[in-house]
């Protein structure tokens, strides 16, 4: 049997944003994307802010 090699992740450039955030591509169902946009708009925030807050909340509850 031939051994397979794991592909190394590409090294990304240092972030150019002053807040240190980096981009990350996430695939989601179209309905979820629309729900995120709607919820973010209802909360007067951008979709990335809504998602970031939701991820932080989910990770905190998982660690607790």
PDB file of N, CA and C in Angstrom:
ATOM      1  N   UNK A   1       0.819  -1.185   0.000  1.00  0.00           N
ATOM      2  CA  UNK A   1       0.000   0.000   0.000  1.00  0.00           C
ATOM      3  C   UNK A   1       0.868   1.256   0.000  1.00  0.00           C
ATOM      4  N   UNK A   2       0.481   2.225  -0.792  1.00  0.00           N
ATOM      5  CA  UNK A   2       1.249   3.456  -0.901  1.00  0.00           C
ATOM      6  C   UNK A   2       0.876   4.406   0.240  1.00  0.00           C
ATOM      7  N   UNK A   3       1.884   4.917   0.911  1.00  0.00           N
ATOM      8  CA  UNK A   3       1.645   5.877   1.999  1.00  0.00           C
ATOM      9  C   UNK A   3       1.260   7.226   1.405  1.00  0.00           C
ATOM     10  N   UNK A   4       0.254   7.838   1.988  1.00  0.00           N
ATOM     11  CA  UNK A   4      -0.153   9.152   1.504  1.00  0.00           C
ATOM     12  C   UNK A   4       0.435  10.230   2.404  1.00  0.00           C
ATOM     13  N   UNK A   5       0.800  11.311   1.786  1.00  0.00           N
ATOM     14  CA  UNK A   5       1.343  12.432   2.533  1.00  0.00           C
ATOM     15  C   UNK A   5       0.239  13.440   2.788  1.00  0.00           C
ATOM     16  N   UNK A   6       0.250  13.987   3.991  1.00  0.00           N
ATOM     17  CA  UNK A   6      -0.692  15.052   4.296  1.00  0.00           C
ATOM     18  C   UNK A   6      -0.208  16.328   3.638  1.00  0.00           C
ATOM     19  N   UNK A   7      -1.165  17.062   3.079  1.00  0.00           N
ATOM     20  CA  UNK A   7      -0.822  18.346   2.483  1.00  0.00           C
ATOM     21  C   UNK A   7      -0.601  19.366   3.586  1.00  0.00           C
ATOM     22  N   UNK A   8       0.495  20.051   3.508  1.00  0.00           N
ATOM     23  CA  UNK A   8       0.769  21.102   4.496  1.00  0.00           C
ATOM     24  C   UNK A   8      -0.091  22.312   4.187  1.00  0.00           C
ATOM     25  N   UNK A   9      -0.570  22.959   5.233  1.00  0.00           N
ATOM     26  CA  UNK A   9      -1.335  24.194   5.034  1.00  0.00           C
ATOM     27  C   UNK A   9      -0.423  25.269   4.489  1.00  0.00           C
ATOM     28  N   UNK A  10      -0.993  26.061   3.611  1.00  0.00           N
ATOM     29  CA  UNK A  10      -0.218  27.184   3.086  1.00  0.00           C
ATOM     30  C   UNK A  10      -0.042  28.216   4.187  1.00  0.00           C
ATOM     31  N   UNK A  11       1.127  28.752   4.245  1.00  0.00           N
ATOM     32  CA  UNK A  11       1.374  29.822   5.216  1.00  0.00           C
ATOM     33  C   UNK A  11       0.732  31.087   4.673  1.00  0.00           C
ATOM     34  N   UNK A  12      -0.011  31.744   5.538  1.00  0.00           N
ATOM     35  CA  UNK A  12      -0.661  32.983   5.125  1.00  0.00           C
ATOM     36  C   UNK A  12       0.212  34.168   5.490  1.00  0.00           C
ATOM     37  N   UNK A  13       0.017  35.232   4.757  1.00  0.00           N
ATOM     38  CA  UNK A  13       0.746  36.460   5.054  1.00  0.00           C
ATOM     39  C   UNK A  13       0.284  36.991   6.399  1.00  0.00           C
ATOM     40  N   UNK A  14       1.102  37.796   6.985  1.00  0.00           N
ATOM     41  CA  UNK A  14       0.705  38.456   8.226  1.00  0.00           C
ATOM     42  C   UNK A  14      -0.519  39.311   7.936  1.00  0.00           C
ATOM     43  N   UNK A  15      -1.417  39.402   8.910  1.00  0.00           N
ATOM     44  CA  UNK A  15      -2.625  40.192   8.659  1.00  0.00           C
ATOM     45  C   UNK A  15      -2.293  41.659   8.403  1.00  0.00           C
ATOM     46  N   UNK A  16      -3.035  42.231   7.482  1.00  0.00           N
ATOM     47  CA  UNK A  16      -2.815  43.639   7.193  1.00  0.00           C
ATOM     48  C   UNK A  16      -3.823  44.499   7.954  1.00  0.00           C
ATOM     49  N   UNK A  17      -4.776  43.843   8.624  1.00  0.00           N
ATOM     50  CA  UNK A  17      -5.753  44.580   9.413  1.00  0.00           C
ATOM     51  C   UNK A  17      -5.114  44.994  10.735  1.00  0.00           C
ATOM     52  N   UNK A  18      -5.470  46.154  11.209  1.00  0.00           N
ATOM     53  CA  UNK A  18      -4.901  46.625  12.464  1.00  0.00           C
ATOM     54  C   UNK A  18      -5.452  45.873  13.661  1.00  0.00           C
ATOM     55  N   UNK A  19      -6.628  45.239  13.518  1.00  0.00           N
ATOM     56  CA  UNK A  19      -7.215  44.506  14.641  1.00  0.00           C
ATOM     57  C   UNK A  19      -6.736  43.061  14.714  1.00  0.00           C
ATOM     58  N   UNK A  20      -5.909  42.622  13.748  1.00  0.00           N
ATOM     59  CA  UNK A  20      -5.327  41.292  13.785  1.00  0.00           C
ATOM     60  C   UNK A  20      -6.198  40.185  13.206  1.00  0.00           C
ATOM     61  N   UNK A  21      -7.410  40.493  12.763  1.00  0.00           N
ATOM     62  CA  UNK A  21      -8.281  39.463  12.205  1.00  0.00           C
ATOM     63  C   UNK A  21      -7.732  38.958  10.882  1.00  0.00           C
ATOM     64  N   UNK A  22      -8.015  37.677  10.597  1.00  0.00           N
ATOM     65  CA  UNK A  22      -7.655  37.064   9.328  1.00  0.00           C
ATOM     66  C   UNK A  22      -8.915  36.526   8.676  1.00  0.00           C
ATOM     67  N   UNK A  23      -8.891  36.404   7.370  1.00  0.00           N
ATOM     68  CA  UNK A  23     -10.026  35.883   6.617  1.00  0.00           C
ATOM     69  C   UNK A  23     -10.095  34.361   6.740  1.00  0.00           C
ATOM     70  N   UNK A  24     -11.323  33.839   6.716  1.00  0.00           N
ATOM     71  CA  UNK A  24     -11.536  32.398   6.740  1.00  0.00           C
ATOM     72  C   UNK A  24     -12.774  32.096   5.905  1.00  0.00           C
ATOM     73  N   UNK A  25     -12.648  31.185   4.983  1.00  0.00           N
ATOM     74  CA  UNK A  25     -13.768  30.812   4.125  1.00  0.00           C
ATOM     75  C   UNK A  25     -14.556  29.693   4.785  1.00  0.00           C
ATOM     76  N   UNK A  26     -15.872  29.880   4.876  1.00  0.00           N
ATOM     77  CA  UNK A  26     -16.751  28.879   5.490  1.00  0.00           C
ATOM     78  C   UNK A  26     -17.910  28.629   4.534  1.00  0.00           C
ATOM     79  N   UNK A  27     -18.205  27.361   4.273  1.00  0.00           N
ATOM     80  CA  UNK A  27     -19.342  27.014   3.435  1.00  0.00           C
ATOM     81  C   UNK A  27     -20.549  26.760   4.314  1.00  0.00           C
ATOM     82  N   UNK A  28     -21.683  27.389   3.966  1.00  0.00           N
ATOM     83  CA  UNK A  28     -22.915  27.225   4.723  1.00  0.00           C
ATOM     84  C   UNK A  28     -24.074  27.090   3.735  1.00  0.00           C
ATOM     85  N   UNK A  29     -25.148  26.490   4.217  1.00  0.00           N
ATOM     86  CA  UNK A  29     -26.352  26.398   3.398  1.00  0.00           C
ATOM     87  C   UNK A  29     -26.875  27.798   3.105  1.00  0.00           C
ATOM     88  N   UNK A  30     -27.413  28.006   1.912  1.00  0.00           N
ATOM     89  CA  UNK A  30     -27.916  29.332   1.546  1.00  0.00           C
ATOM     90  C   UNK A  30     -28.942  29.885   2.538  1.00  0.00           C
ATOM     91  N   UNK A  31     -29.780  29.010   3.097  1.00  0.00           N
ATOM     92  CA  UNK A  31     -30.783  29.466   4.060  1.00  0.00           C
ATOM     93  C   UNK A  31     -30.114  30.032   5.311  1.00  0.00           C
ATOM     94  N   UNK A  32     -29.035  29.382   5.749  1.00  0.00           N
ATOM     95  CA  UNK A  32     -28.311  29.870   6.920  1.00  0.00           C
ATOM     96  C   UNK A  32     -27.664  31.223   6.647  1.00  0.00           C
ATOM     97  N   UNK A  33     -27.126  31.370   5.466  1.00  0.00           N
ATOM     98  CA  UNK A  33     -26.497  32.637   5.104  1.00  0.00           C
ATOM     99  C   UNK A  33     -27.525  33.762   5.141  1.00  0.00           C
ATOM    100  N   UNK A  34     -28.696  33.508   4.594  1.00  0.00           N
ATOM    101  CA  UNK A  34     -29.757  34.515   4.609  1.00  0.00           C
ATOM    102  C   UNK A  34     -30.192  34.825   6.040  1.00  0.00           C
ATOM    103  N   UNK A  35     -30.307  33.779   6.864  1.00  0.00           N
ATOM    104  CA  UNK A  35     -30.685  33.985   8.268  1.00  0.00           C
ATOM    105  C   UNK A  35     -29.645  34.806   9.016  1.00  0.00           C
ATOM    106  N   UNK A  36     -28.370  34.549   8.736  1.00  0.00           N
ATOM    107  CA  UNK A  36     -27.292  35.324   9.364  1.00  0.00           C
ATOM    108  C   UNK A  36     -27.394  36.787   8.953  1.00  0.00           C
ATOM    109  N   UNK A  37     -27.579  37.019   7.669  1.00  0.00           N
ATOM    110  CA  UNK A  37     -27.695  38.402   7.186  1.00  0.00           C
ATOM    111  C   UNK A  37     -28.881  39.110   7.816  1.00  0.00           C
ATOM    112  N   UNK A  38     -30.012  38.421   7.897  1.00  0.00           N
ATOM    113  CA  UNK A  38     -31.213  39.018   8.489  1.00  0.00           C
ATOM    114  C   UNK A  38     -31.015  39.326   9.975  1.00  0.00           C
ATOM    115  N   UNK A  39     -30.432  38.367  10.696  1.00  0.00           N
ATOM    116  CA  UNK A  39     -30.210  38.558  12.125  1.00  0.00           C
ATOM    117  C   UNK A  39     -29.214  39.682  12.378  1.00  0.00           C
ATOM    118  N   UNK A  40     -28.184  39.754  11.558  1.00  0.00           N
ATOM    119  CA  UNK A  40     -27.190  40.812  11.708  1.00  0.00           C
ATOM    120  C   UNK A  40     -27.821  42.173  11.444  1.00  0.00           C
ATOM    121  N   UNK A  41     -28.614  42.254  10.396  1.00  0.00           N
ATOM    122  CA  UNK A  41     -29.269  43.521  10.069  1.00  0.00           C
ATOM    123  C   UNK A  41     -30.225  43.946  11.182  1.00  0.00           C
ATOM    124  N   UNK A  42     -30.952  42.988  11.740  1.00  0.00           N
ATOM    125  CA  UNK A  42     -31.890  43.293  12.830  1.00  0.00           C
ATOM    126  C   UNK A  42     -31.152  43.816  14.059  1.00  0.00           C
ATOM    127  N   UNK A  43     -29.921  43.355  14.249  1.00  0.00           N
ATOM    128  CA  UNK A  43     -29.116  43.797  15.382  1.00  0.00           C
ATOM    129  C   UNK A  43     -28.221  44.974  15.053  1.00  0.00           C
ATOM    130  N   UNK A  44     -28.412  45.575  13.877  1.00  0.00           N
ATOM    131  CA  UNK A  44     -27.628  46.731  13.426  1.00  0.00           C
ATOM    132  C   UNK A  44     -26.128  46.447  13.428  1.00  0.00           C
ATOM    133  N   UNK A  45     -25.784  45.285  12.897  1.00  0.00           N
ATOM    134  CA  UNK A  45     -24.366  44.931  12.782  1.00  0.00           C
ATOM    135  C   UNK A  45     -24.121  44.262  11.444  1.00  0.00           C
ATOM    136  N   UNK A  46     -22.878  44.070  11.124  1.00  0.00           N
ATOM    137  CA  UNK A  46     -22.497  43.385   9.884  1.00  0.00           C
ATOM    138  C   UNK A  46     -22.534  41.881  10.123  1.00  0.00           C
ATOM    139  N   UNK A  47     -22.671  41.115   9.023  1.00  0.00           N
ATOM    140  CA  UNK A  47     -22.773  39.654   9.137  1.00  0.00           C
ATOM    141  C   UNK A  47     -21.540  39.065   9.820  1.00  0.00           C
ATOM    142  N   UNK A  48     -20.348  39.565   9.492  1.00  0.00           N
ATOM    143  CA  UNK A  48     -19.140  39.005  10.105  1.00  0.00           C
ATOM    144  C   UNK A  48     -19.128  39.248  11.611  1.00  0.00           C
ATOM    145  N   UNK A  49     -19.679  40.376  12.047  1.00  0.00           N
ATOM    146  CA  UNK A  49     -19.731  40.662  13.479  1.00  0.00           C
ATOM    147  C   UNK A  49     -20.684  39.697  14.184  1.00  0.00           C
ATOM    148  N   UNK A  50     -21.820  39.442  13.548  1.00  0.00           N
ATOM    149  CA  UNK A  50     -22.792  38.504  14.103  1.00  0.00           C
ATOM    150  C   UNK A  50     -22.180  37.104  14.223  1.00  0.00           C
ATOM    151  N   UNK A  51     -21.531  36.664  13.154  1.00  0.00           N
ATOM    152  CA  UNK A  51     -20.925  35.324  13.142  1.00  0.00           C
ATOM    153  C   UNK A  51     -19.805  35.232  14.165  1.00  0.00           C
ATOM    154  N   UNK A  52     -18.964  36.247  14.238  1.00  0.00           N
ATOM    155  CA  UNK A  52     -17.869  36.233  15.206  1.00  0.00           C
ATOM    156  C   UNK A  52     -18.409  36.126  16.631  1.00  0.00           C
ATOM    157  N   UNK A  53     -19.440  36.909  16.930  1.00  0.00           N
ATOM    158  CA  UNK A  53     -20.038  36.878  18.271  1.00  0.00           C
ATOM    159  C   UNK A  53     -20.647  35.505  18.562  1.00  0.00           C
ATOM    160  N   UNK A  54     -21.315  34.915  17.564  1.00  0.00           N
ATOM    161  CA  UNK A  54     -21.928  33.600  17.741  1.00  0.00           C
ATOM    162  C   UNK A  54     -20.866  32.517  17.970  1.00  0.00           C
ATOM    163  N   UNK A  55     -19.766  32.605  17.261  1.00  0.00           N
ATOM    164  CA  UNK A  55     -18.686  31.623  17.421  1.00  0.00           C
ATOM    165  C   UNK A  55     -18.058  31.753  18.807  1.00  0.00           C
ATOM    166  N   UNK A  56     -17.793  32.964  19.236  1.00  0.00           N
ATOM    167  CA  UNK A  56     -17.217  33.191  20.571  1.00  0.00           C
ATOM    168  C   UNK A  56     -18.147  32.615  21.633  1.00  0.00           C
ATOM    169  N   UNK A  57     -19.436  32.890  21.505  1.00  0.00           N
ATOM    170  CA  UNK A  57     -20.413  32.382  22.469  1.00  0.00           C
ATOM    171  C   UNK A  57     -20.435  30.861  22.468  1.00  0.00           C
ATOM    172  N   UNK A  58     -20.422  30.238  21.299  1.00  0.00           N
ATOM    173  CA  UNK A  58     -20.452  28.779  21.198  1.00  0.00           C
ATOM    174  C   UNK A  58     -19.186  28.162  21.804  1.00  0.00           C
ATOM    175  N   UNK A  59     -18.047  28.755  21.565  1.00  0.00           N
ATOM    176  CA  UNK A  59     -16.796  28.226  22.106  1.00  0.00           C
ATOM    177  C   UNK A  59     -16.736  28.368  23.627  1.00  0.00           C
ATOM    178  N   UNK A  60     -17.235  29.483  24.127  1.00  0.00           N
ATOM    179  CA  UNK A  60     -17.255  29.672  25.595  1.00  0.00           C
ATOM    180  C   UNK A  60     -18.146  28.623  26.263  1.00  0.00           C
ATOM    181  N   UNK A  61     -19.306  28.361  25.682  1.00  0.00           N
ATOM    182  CA  UNK A  61     -20.218  27.386  26.292  1.00  0.00           C
ATOM    183  C   UNK A  61     -19.649  25.966  26.169  1.00  0.00           C
ATOM    184  N   UNK A  62     -18.897  25.708  25.129  1.00  0.00           N
ATOM    185  CA  UNK A  62     -18.293  24.381  24.950  1.00  0.00           C
ATOM    186  C   UNK A  62     -17.178  24.155  25.971  1.00  0.00           C
ATOM    187  N   UNK A  63     -16.446  25.194  26.294  1.00  0.00           N
ATOM    188  CA  UNK A  63     -15.336  25.092  27.251  1.00  0.00           C
ATOM    189  C   UNK A  63     -15.800  25.058  28.700  1.00  0.00           C
ATOM    190  N   UNK A  64     -16.983  25.580  28.952  1.00  0.00           N
ATOM    191  CA  UNK A  64     -17.495  25.666  30.336  1.00  0.00           C
ATOM    192  C   UNK A  64     -17.894  24.322  30.894  1.00  0.00           C
TER     193      UNK A  64
END
